[in-house]
Each structure stands twice: as C-alpha cells, then as structure tokens.
N, C-alpha and C. Protein backbone atom coordinates (compact mmCIF):
# COMPACT_ATOMS: atom_id res chain seq x y z
N MET A 1 -15.78 -109.88 -267.41
CA MET A 1 -16.97 -110.65 -267.75
C MET A 1 -17.83 -109.90 -268.76
N LYS A 2 -17.93 -108.57 -268.57
CA LYS A 2 -18.74 -107.75 -269.47
C LYS A 2 -18.18 -107.80 -270.88
N LYS A 3 -16.85 -107.79 -271.02
CA LYS A 3 -16.22 -107.86 -272.34
C LYS A 3 -16.53 -109.19 -273.02
N ILE A 4 -16.55 -110.25 -272.25
CA ILE A 4 -16.87 -111.58 -272.81
C ILE A 4 -18.30 -111.60 -273.33
N LEU A 5 -19.23 -111.08 -272.54
CA LEU A 5 -20.64 -111.06 -272.96
C LEU A 5 -20.83 -110.22 -274.23
N ILE A 6 -20.17 -109.10 -274.29
CA ILE A 6 -20.27 -108.26 -275.49
C ILE A 6 -19.68 -108.98 -276.69
N SER A 7 -18.56 -109.65 -276.49
CA SER A 7 -17.93 -110.40 -277.59
C SER A 7 -18.83 -111.53 -278.08
N VAL A 8 -19.44 -112.25 -277.16
CA VAL A 8 -20.34 -113.34 -277.52
C VAL A 8 -21.56 -112.80 -278.27
N ALA A 9 -22.11 -111.70 -277.81
CA ALA A 9 -23.27 -111.09 -278.48
C ALA A 9 -22.90 -110.64 -279.89
N ALA A 10 -21.74 -110.03 -280.05
CA ALA A 10 -21.30 -109.59 -281.38
C ALA A 10 -21.09 -110.78 -282.30
N LEU A 11 -20.51 -111.84 -281.80
CA LEU A 11 -20.30 -113.04 -282.59
C LEU A 11 -21.62 -113.66 -283.02
N ALA A 12 -22.58 -113.70 -282.12
CA ALA A 12 -23.90 -114.26 -282.43
C ALA A 12 -24.58 -113.45 -283.54
N LEU A 13 -24.49 -112.15 -283.47
CA LEU A 13 -25.09 -111.31 -284.52
C LEU A 13 -24.38 -111.48 -285.85
N ALA A 14 -23.09 -111.62 -285.81
CA ALA A 14 -22.30 -111.75 -287.04
C ALA A 14 -22.55 -113.07 -287.75
N THR A 15 -22.86 -114.12 -287.00
CA THR A 15 -23.01 -115.44 -287.61
C THR A 15 -24.46 -115.86 -287.79
N SER A 16 -25.41 -115.05 -287.38
CA SER A 16 -26.82 -115.46 -287.45
C SER A 16 -27.27 -115.72 -288.87
N GLY A 17 -26.76 -115.01 -289.86
CA GLY A 17 -27.13 -115.24 -291.25
C GLY A 17 -26.67 -116.58 -291.77
N ALA A 18 -25.58 -117.09 -291.23
CA ALA A 18 -25.05 -118.38 -291.67
C ALA A 18 -25.97 -119.53 -291.29
N PHE A 19 -26.80 -119.31 -290.29
CA PHE A 19 -27.69 -120.36 -289.82
C PHE A 19 -29.15 -120.10 -290.21
N ALA A 20 -29.35 -119.23 -291.19
CA ALA A 20 -30.71 -118.91 -291.62
C ALA A 20 -31.37 -120.15 -292.19
N GLN A 21 -32.62 -120.34 -291.84
CA GLN A 21 -33.35 -121.49 -292.34
C GLN A 21 -33.85 -121.21 -293.74
N ASN A 22 -34.07 -122.28 -294.46
CA ASN A 22 -34.63 -122.20 -295.80
C ASN A 22 -36.06 -121.71 -295.68
N THR A 23 -36.35 -120.58 -296.31
CA THR A 23 -37.70 -120.01 -296.25
C THR A 23 -38.37 -120.02 -297.62
N VAL A 24 -37.89 -120.86 -298.51
CA VAL A 24 -38.46 -120.94 -299.85
C VAL A 24 -39.82 -121.62 -299.78
N ASP A 25 -40.81 -121.05 -300.46
CA ASP A 25 -42.15 -121.62 -300.49
C ASP A 25 -42.15 -122.88 -301.34
N PHE A 26 -42.58 -123.99 -300.75
CA PHE A 26 -42.58 -125.29 -301.43
C PHE A 26 -43.35 -125.24 -302.75
N ALA A 27 -44.51 -124.64 -302.75
CA ALA A 27 -45.34 -124.58 -303.96
C ALA A 27 -44.66 -123.83 -305.09
N THR A 28 -43.83 -122.89 -304.76
CA THR A 28 -43.09 -122.13 -305.78
C THR A 28 -42.05 -123.02 -306.45
N VAL A 29 -41.42 -123.89 -305.69
CA VAL A 29 -40.38 -124.77 -306.23
C VAL A 29 -41.01 -125.94 -306.98
N ASP A 30 -42.13 -126.44 -306.48
CA ASP A 30 -42.84 -127.58 -307.09
C ASP A 30 -43.63 -127.08 -308.30
N THR A 31 -42.91 -126.78 -309.38
CA THR A 31 -43.54 -126.12 -310.53
C THR A 31 -44.54 -126.98 -311.27
N ASP A 32 -44.40 -128.31 -311.20
CA ASP A 32 -45.37 -129.17 -311.89
C ASP A 32 -46.55 -129.56 -310.99
N GLY A 33 -46.49 -129.14 -309.71
CA GLY A 33 -47.60 -129.35 -308.79
C GLY A 33 -47.87 -130.78 -308.40
N ASN A 34 -46.86 -131.65 -308.51
CA ASN A 34 -47.09 -133.06 -308.19
C ASN A 34 -46.88 -133.39 -306.71
N GLY A 35 -46.55 -132.39 -305.90
CA GLY A 35 -46.39 -132.62 -304.47
C GLY A 35 -44.99 -132.97 -304.03
N THR A 36 -44.06 -133.08 -304.97
CA THR A 36 -42.66 -133.33 -304.66
C THR A 36 -41.80 -132.43 -305.55
N VAL A 37 -40.52 -132.32 -305.19
CA VAL A 37 -39.60 -131.47 -305.94
C VAL A 37 -38.50 -132.33 -306.55
N SER A 38 -38.35 -132.24 -307.84
CA SER A 38 -37.30 -132.98 -308.55
C SER A 38 -35.98 -132.22 -308.46
N LEU A 39 -34.91 -132.88 -308.86
CA LEU A 39 -33.61 -132.22 -308.89
C LEU A 39 -33.65 -131.00 -309.79
N ALA A 40 -34.27 -131.12 -310.96
CA ALA A 40 -34.33 -129.99 -311.90
C ALA A 40 -35.11 -128.82 -311.29
N GLU A 41 -36.22 -129.11 -310.61
CA GLU A 41 -36.99 -128.04 -309.98
C GLU A 41 -36.17 -127.36 -308.89
N ALA A 42 -35.47 -128.16 -308.08
CA ALA A 42 -34.65 -127.60 -307.00
C ALA A 42 -33.50 -126.77 -307.56
N GLN A 43 -32.88 -127.24 -308.64
CA GLN A 43 -31.75 -126.50 -309.22
C GLN A 43 -32.19 -125.20 -309.87
N ALA A 44 -33.46 -125.05 -310.19
CA ALA A 44 -33.95 -123.78 -310.72
C ALA A 44 -33.88 -122.69 -309.64
N VAL A 45 -33.95 -123.10 -308.38
CA VAL A 45 -33.89 -122.16 -307.26
C VAL A 45 -32.50 -122.14 -306.64
N TRP A 46 -31.93 -123.32 -306.41
CA TRP A 46 -30.58 -123.47 -305.85
C TRP A 46 -29.63 -123.72 -307.02
N LYS A 47 -29.11 -122.68 -307.60
CA LYS A 47 -28.27 -122.78 -308.81
C LYS A 47 -27.04 -123.64 -308.61
N ASP A 48 -26.53 -123.70 -307.40
CA ASP A 48 -25.30 -124.46 -307.13
C ASP A 48 -25.58 -125.81 -306.46
N LEU A 49 -26.83 -126.26 -306.46
CA LEU A 49 -27.19 -127.52 -305.83
C LEU A 49 -26.65 -128.69 -306.65
N THR A 50 -25.87 -129.54 -306.01
CA THR A 50 -25.32 -130.71 -306.69
C THR A 50 -26.26 -131.90 -306.53
N GLU A 51 -26.08 -132.89 -307.38
CA GLU A 51 -26.88 -134.11 -307.26
C GLU A 51 -26.62 -134.79 -305.93
N ASP A 52 -25.37 -134.76 -305.47
CA ASP A 52 -25.04 -135.38 -304.18
C ASP A 52 -25.75 -134.69 -303.03
N ALA A 53 -25.81 -133.37 -303.05
CA ALA A 53 -26.50 -132.63 -301.99
C ALA A 53 -28.00 -132.91 -302.04
N PHE A 54 -28.55 -133.02 -303.24
CA PHE A 54 -29.97 -133.34 -303.40
C PHE A 54 -30.25 -134.73 -302.83
N LYS A 55 -29.40 -135.69 -303.17
CA LYS A 55 -29.58 -137.05 -302.67
C LYS A 55 -29.46 -137.11 -301.14
N ALA A 56 -28.58 -136.29 -300.59
CA ALA A 56 -28.41 -136.26 -299.13
C ALA A 56 -29.68 -135.73 -298.46
N ALA A 57 -30.36 -134.79 -299.10
CA ALA A 57 -31.61 -134.24 -298.55
C ALA A 57 -32.78 -135.21 -298.73
N ASP A 58 -32.67 -136.10 -299.70
CA ASP A 58 -33.74 -137.06 -300.02
C ASP A 58 -33.70 -138.23 -299.03
N ALA A 59 -34.20 -137.98 -297.82
CA ALA A 59 -34.09 -138.94 -296.72
C ALA A 59 -34.74 -140.28 -297.02
N ASP A 60 -35.84 -140.30 -297.77
CA ASP A 60 -36.53 -141.57 -298.04
C ASP A 60 -36.06 -142.24 -299.33
N GLY A 61 -35.12 -141.61 -300.05
CA GLY A 61 -34.56 -142.21 -301.25
C GLY A 61 -35.53 -142.31 -302.42
N SER A 62 -36.56 -141.47 -302.44
CA SER A 62 -37.57 -141.53 -303.49
C SER A 62 -37.13 -140.90 -304.80
N GLY A 63 -36.05 -140.13 -304.75
CA GLY A 63 -35.60 -139.43 -305.96
C GLY A 63 -36.24 -138.06 -306.11
N GLU A 64 -37.12 -137.70 -305.20
CA GLU A 64 -37.78 -136.40 -305.18
C GLU A 64 -37.81 -135.93 -303.72
N LEU A 65 -37.94 -134.63 -303.52
CA LEU A 65 -37.97 -134.09 -302.16
C LEU A 65 -39.39 -133.74 -301.74
N SER A 66 -39.74 -134.15 -300.54
CA SER A 66 -41.00 -133.72 -299.92
C SER A 66 -40.78 -132.31 -299.36
N ALA A 67 -41.84 -131.72 -298.86
CA ALA A 67 -41.72 -130.39 -298.25
C ALA A 67 -40.76 -130.44 -297.06
N GLU A 68 -40.84 -131.50 -296.27
CA GLU A 68 -39.96 -131.63 -295.11
C GLU A 68 -38.51 -131.78 -295.53
N GLU A 69 -38.26 -132.57 -296.56
CA GLU A 69 -36.89 -132.77 -297.04
C GLU A 69 -36.35 -131.48 -297.66
N LEU A 70 -37.20 -130.78 -298.41
CA LEU A 70 -36.78 -129.52 -299.03
C LEU A 70 -36.36 -128.51 -297.97
N ALA A 71 -37.07 -128.51 -296.84
CA ALA A 71 -36.78 -127.57 -295.77
C ALA A 71 -35.41 -127.80 -295.15
N THR A 72 -34.80 -128.95 -295.39
CA THR A 72 -33.47 -129.22 -294.83
C THR A 72 -32.36 -128.57 -295.64
N LEU A 73 -32.67 -128.15 -296.86
CA LEU A 73 -31.66 -127.49 -297.68
C LEU A 73 -31.38 -126.10 -297.11
N PRO A 74 -30.15 -125.63 -297.25
CA PRO A 74 -29.85 -124.28 -296.78
C PRO A 74 -30.57 -123.26 -297.66
N ALA A 75 -30.71 -122.06 -297.16
CA ALA A 75 -31.34 -121.01 -297.96
C ALA A 75 -30.55 -120.83 -299.26
N PRO A 76 -31.24 -120.66 -300.39
CA PRO A 76 -30.51 -120.48 -301.64
C PRO A 76 -29.69 -119.19 -301.65
N ALA A 77 -28.60 -119.21 -302.37
CA ALA A 77 -27.76 -118.02 -302.52
C ALA A 77 -28.54 -116.95 -303.25
N GLN A 78 -28.33 -115.71 -302.85
CA GLN A 78 -29.07 -114.63 -303.50
C GLN A 78 -28.20 -113.80 -304.38
C-alpha cells in the first residue's frame, strides 16, 4: 500500500505542470484596452494559438474573448 501511495504522489507531482491554469494578466493581453481580446492580441501571447482554438474559447461567439473566456486557454508556452 505504501508503494502505491508513493507512486501516486510522484505521479501527481510530475503531472502538476500539465494542469497549470492560465495566469496571464487580462489587461496585458488586451493591448487596445477595449475590454476584450482579439485573435491578434491573443496570438501575441500564445504564439501557437490557432483560430479554431480561439473560436473554441469564445463561448458567446462574439469574435473576441472576455476575461472569463481568456482564462480557459492553457498557459502560454514559455
């Protein structure tokens, strides 16, 4: 049982980075200050962000991301 617990703990530590939440400051991404983030603004931070991924995050279909929608994106690659 002890070996299983140690294995589970090690696995949890090894994978915790994969589940890191997006901690990007909304105001930093919203460079024009209009209160939403465009695809171009998001791609300045998320270099590999595709239009399809952006549209998937755009829950209300407005063509721009709110702070809540932006928070659903994974942390940008560093």
